[in-house]
Amino acid sequence: MAEEEDNKSNKKIILASKSPRRRHILELLKVDFEVIEPLNTEEKIFKDPFKTVFYNSSLKAQNVYNRVIIDDLNYNNSLIAGFDTVVYFRGRYLGKPDDTVQAGEFLRILSGKNHLVISGISIIDGSSGKTFTDSEKTVVKFKVLHPEEIERYLKVEKVADKAGAYDISGFGSLLVEKIKGCFYNVAGLPVFKFVNLLEKFDYKLL
């Protein structure tokens, strides 16, 4: 009973993201949250991928924080969480492919090799404006992909909204040989680091 009361005292999470995968992970964790998408944000790409995800996750969280404060939307008792995730391979960002041709190119590049999935997390307290940020890195190794496998994969997976042209929670799981690090980081939301940041605000999931 005491544990339930502790959870009820948690602030509401505002997910500053339009990602259905992040939304799904929060639903699995039974988090009390709602989605407010960032608007008119100009994300940046830096040479350093960690600088990129720190900047863009903070940008998204700050955008939503500014809007709920300026518009007086009564979100004082909330924590606003912004995320940014990149697929990074040997100095190159592999973002959301423009089309299936580019998606196929990404998969051929990653075939049989390791790449990095790097996420930034930024959480802002709606009442005080206090902010904590962190990042997560996961090493993902693809199996060797034959041309016919790539062709079949592109027919069954919707890749237009997926960085690196794959989703490890979907058919993309068939491409992955192994990972080193947080699975959920690759799936869309680095749960371990996210929970660690929430605890800095005395937010309890368990």
Protein backbone atom coordinates (compact mmCIF):
# COMPACT_ATOMS: atom_id res chain seq x y z
CA MET A 1 0.00 0.00 0.00
CA ALA A 2 2.81 2.40 0.92
CA GLU A 3 4.49 1.64 -2.41
CA GLU A 4 1.29 2.52 -4.29
CA GLU A 5 1.06 5.80 -2.37
CA ASP A 6 4.67 6.62 -3.27
CA ASN A 7 3.95 6.04 -6.95
CA LYS A 8 0.82 8.20 -6.79
CA SER A 9 2.95 11.07 -5.43
CA ASN A 10 5.09 11.03 -8.58
CA LYS A 11 4.86 13.94 -10.94
CA LYS A 12 3.36 13.38 -14.38
CA ILE A 13 5.86 12.77 -17.18
CA ILE A 14 5.51 14.95 -20.26
CA LEU A 15 7.07 13.12 -23.21
CA ALA A 16 8.49 15.75 -25.53
CA SER A 17 8.55 13.42 -28.52
CA LYS A 18 6.34 12.15 -31.32
CA SER A 19 8.06 8.75 -31.35
CA PRO A 20 5.57 5.86 -31.05
CA ARG A 21 8.39 3.61 -29.83
CA ARG A 22 9.17 5.87 -26.87
CA ARG A 23 5.50 6.11 -26.07
CA HIS A 24 5.21 2.31 -26.13
CA ILE A 25 8.15 1.85 -23.74
CA LEU A 26 6.61 4.29 -21.22
CA GLU A 27 3.34 2.37 -21.49
CA LEU A 28 5.20 -0.88 -20.71
CA LEU A 29 6.62 0.80 -17.58
CA LYS A 30 3.08 1.91 -16.58
CA VAL A 31 4.26 5.51 -16.30
CA ASP A 32 1.68 8.28 -15.91
CA PHE A 33 2.50 10.41 -18.93
CA GLU A 34 1.17 12.42 -21.81
CA VAL A 35 2.71 13.51 -25.08
CA ILE A 36 3.36 17.12 -26.07
CA GLU A 37 5.34 17.25 -29.29
CA PRO A 38 8.07 19.86 -29.74
CA LEU A 39 7.19 22.46 -32.37
CA ASN A 40 9.40 24.48 -34.71
CA THR A 41 12.65 23.10 -33.32
CA GLU A 42 15.78 23.25 -35.44
CA GLU A 43 17.85 20.23 -34.56
CA LYS A 44 21.59 20.37 -35.19
CA ILE A 45 24.21 17.84 -36.16
CA PHE A 46 27.69 18.25 -34.72
CA LYS A 47 30.86 16.33 -35.47
CA ASP A 48 30.67 14.82 -31.97
CA PRO A 49 27.60 12.56 -31.74
CA PHE A 50 27.35 13.04 -27.97
CA LYS A 51 27.21 16.81 -28.41
CA THR A 52 24.50 16.24 -31.02
CA VAL A 53 22.23 14.16 -28.78
CA PHE A 54 22.79 16.40 -25.75
CA TYR A 55 21.88 19.48 -27.75
CA ASN A 56 18.83 18.04 -29.48
CA SER A 57 17.34 16.28 -26.43
CA SER A 58 17.71 19.49 -24.43
CA LEU A 59 16.23 21.49 -27.29
CA LYS A 60 13.10 19.33 -27.39
CA ALA A 61 12.57 19.35 -23.62
CA GLN A 62 13.16 23.12 -23.39
CA ASN A 63 10.79 23.77 -26.29
CA VAL A 64 7.93 21.99 -24.54
CA TYR A 65 8.85 23.46 -21.14
CA ASN A 66 8.76 26.99 -22.55
CA ARG A 67 5.38 26.40 -24.16
CA VAL A 68 3.67 24.97 -21.08
CA ILE A 69 5.04 27.80 -18.93
CA ILE A 70 4.28 30.62 -21.37
CA ASP A 71 0.81 29.28 -22.16
CA ASP A 72 0.16 28.66 -18.45
CA LEU A 73 -0.97 25.10 -19.09
CA ASN A 74 -0.75 24.18 -15.39
CA TYR A 75 2.01 21.60 -15.77
CA ASN A 76 3.94 22.67 -12.68
CA ASN A 77 3.64 19.19 -11.19
CA SER A 78 5.35 17.53 -14.15
CA LEU A 79 8.71 16.39 -15.48
CA ILE A 80 9.35 17.14 -19.14
CA ALA A 81 11.52 14.55 -20.88
CA GLY A 82 13.25 15.08 -24.21
CA PHE A 83 15.23 12.47 -26.13
CA ASP A 84 17.41 12.29 -29.19
CA THR A 85 18.86 9.11 -30.69
CA VAL A 86 21.36 8.68 -33.51
CA VAL A 87 22.84 5.74 -35.36
CA TYR A 88 26.55 6.45 -35.82
CA PHE A 89 29.04 4.51 -37.91
CA ARG A 90 32.68 5.48 -38.43
CA GLY A 91 32.11 9.22 -38.34
CA ARG A 92 28.85 9.11 -40.28
CA TYR A 93 25.29 9.60 -39.08
CA LEU A 94 22.79 7.15 -40.54
CA GLY A 95 19.48 8.94 -40.06
CA LYS A 96 16.01 8.20 -41.34
CA PRO A 97 16.42 7.08 -44.95
CA ASP A 98 14.97 9.23 -47.72
CA ASP A 99 13.71 6.15 -49.56
CA THR A 100 14.18 2.41 -49.85
CA VAL A 101 17.24 2.90 -52.04
CA GLN A 102 19.01 4.79 -49.27
CA ALA A 103 17.69 2.32 -46.69
CA GLY A 104 19.32 -0.48 -48.66
CA GLU A 105 22.57 1.49 -48.75
CA PHE A 106 22.51 1.88 -44.96
CA LEU A 107 21.97 -1.84 -44.44
CA ARG A 108 24.80 -2.75 -46.80
CA ILE A 109 27.10 -0.36 -44.92
CA LEU A 110 26.19 -1.91 -41.55
CA SER A 111 26.26 -5.53 -42.74
CA GLY A 112 28.61 -7.63 -40.60
CA LYS A 113 29.90 -4.60 -38.66
CA ASN A 114 29.52 -2.81 -35.34
CA HIS A 115 27.83 0.57 -35.08
CA LEU A 116 26.78 2.83 -32.22
CA VAL A 117 23.32 3.85 -31.10
CA ILE A 118 23.68 6.97 -28.94
CA SER A 119 20.87 8.72 -27.08
CA GLY A 120 20.63 11.94 -25.14
CA ILE A 121 18.11 12.39 -22.33
CA SER A 122 17.08 15.73 -20.85
CA ILE A 123 14.54 16.12 -18.04
CA ILE A 124 13.21 19.47 -16.79
CA ASP A 125 11.19 19.99 -13.63
CA GLY A 126 8.05 21.91 -14.56
CA SER A 127 7.92 23.84 -11.30
CA SER A 128 11.56 24.81 -10.75
CA GLY A 129 13.11 24.55 -14.23
CA LYS A 130 15.84 22.36 -12.77
CA THR A 131 17.38 20.20 -15.49
CA PHE A 132 19.37 16.98 -15.59
CA THR A 133 20.87 15.44 -18.73
CA ASP A 134 22.67 12.22 -19.55
CA SER A 135 23.48 9.95 -22.47
CA GLU A 136 23.56 6.26 -23.32
CA LYS A 137 25.63 4.32 -25.83
CA THR A 138 24.97 0.82 -27.16
CA VAL A 139 27.17 -1.13 -29.56
CA VAL A 140 25.14 -3.07 -32.12
CA LYS A 141 26.59 -5.69 -34.46
CA PHE A 142 24.70 -6.68 -37.58
CA LYS A 143 25.06 -10.14 -39.01
CA VAL A 144 26.34 -10.40 -42.57
CA LEU A 145 23.39 -9.48 -44.76
CA HIS A 146 23.01 -11.03 -48.19
CA PRO A 147 21.43 -8.93 -50.96
CA GLU A 148 18.30 -11.07 -51.06
CA GLU A 149 17.86 -10.69 -47.27
CA ILE A 150 18.05 -6.92 -47.55
CA GLU A 151 15.55 -6.97 -50.40
CA ARG A 152 13.09 -9.11 -48.42
CA TYR A 153 13.54 -6.99 -45.31
CA LEU A 154 12.75 -3.76 -47.16
CA LYS A 155 9.51 -5.30 -48.37
CA VAL A 156 8.24 -6.14 -44.87
CA GLU A 157 9.62 -3.32 -42.71
CA LYS A 158 8.50 0.31 -42.82
CA VAL A 159 11.86 2.07 -42.67
CA ALA A 160 11.02 5.69 -43.50
CA ASP A 161 10.86 6.79 -39.84
CA LYS A 162 13.69 4.61 -38.52
CA ALA A 163 17.25 5.85 -38.04
CA GLY A 164 19.67 3.44 -39.66
CA ALA A 165 16.69 1.88 -41.48
CA TYR A 166 15.87 -0.64 -38.76
CA ASP A 167 13.83 -1.14 -35.61
CA ILE A 168 15.26 -3.72 -33.21
CA SER A 169 11.77 -4.24 -31.77
CA GLY A 170 10.44 -5.24 -35.17
CA PHE A 171 11.83 -7.10 -38.17
CA GLY A 172 15.12 -5.31 -37.51
CA SER A 173 15.73 -7.84 -34.74
CA LEU A 174 16.47 -10.37 -37.52
CA LEU A 175 19.41 -8.23 -38.68
CA VAL A 176 21.15 -7.99 -35.31
CA GLU A 177 23.76 -10.55 -34.29
CA LYS A 178 24.46 -9.10 -30.83
CA ILE A 179 24.46 -5.91 -28.78
CA LYS A 180 26.63 -4.58 -25.98
CA GLY A 181 24.76 -2.23 -23.67
CA CYS A 182 21.17 -1.18 -23.14
CA PHE A 183 18.65 -2.92 -25.41
CA TYR A 184 16.00 -0.28 -24.79
CA ASN A 185 18.38 2.42 -25.96
CA VAL A 186 18.31 0.77 -29.39
CA ALA A 187 14.55 0.26 -29.11
CA GLY A 188 14.01 4.00 -28.63
CA LEU A 189 14.33 5.00 -24.97
CA PRO A 190 17.32 4.23 -22.71
CA VAL A 191 15.38 2.99 -19.69
CA PHE A 192 18.27 2.60 -17.22
CA LYS A 193 19.63 6.12 -17.70
CA PHE A 194 16.12 7.57 -17.87
CA VAL A 195 15.18 6.01 -14.53
CA ASN A 196 18.46 7.24 -12.99
CA LEU A 197 17.60 10.80 -14.00
CA LEU A 198 14.04 10.47 -12.67
CA GLU A 199 15.43 9.44 -9.29
CA LYS A 200 17.25 12.79 -9.09
CA PHE A 201 13.78 14.32 -8.93
CA ASP A 202 12.68 11.80 -6.25
CA TYR A 203 10.54 10.03 -8.83
CA LYS A 204 10.00 6.35 -8.03
CA LEU A 205 9.03 3.63 -10.48
CA LEU A 206 9.35 0.82 -7.94
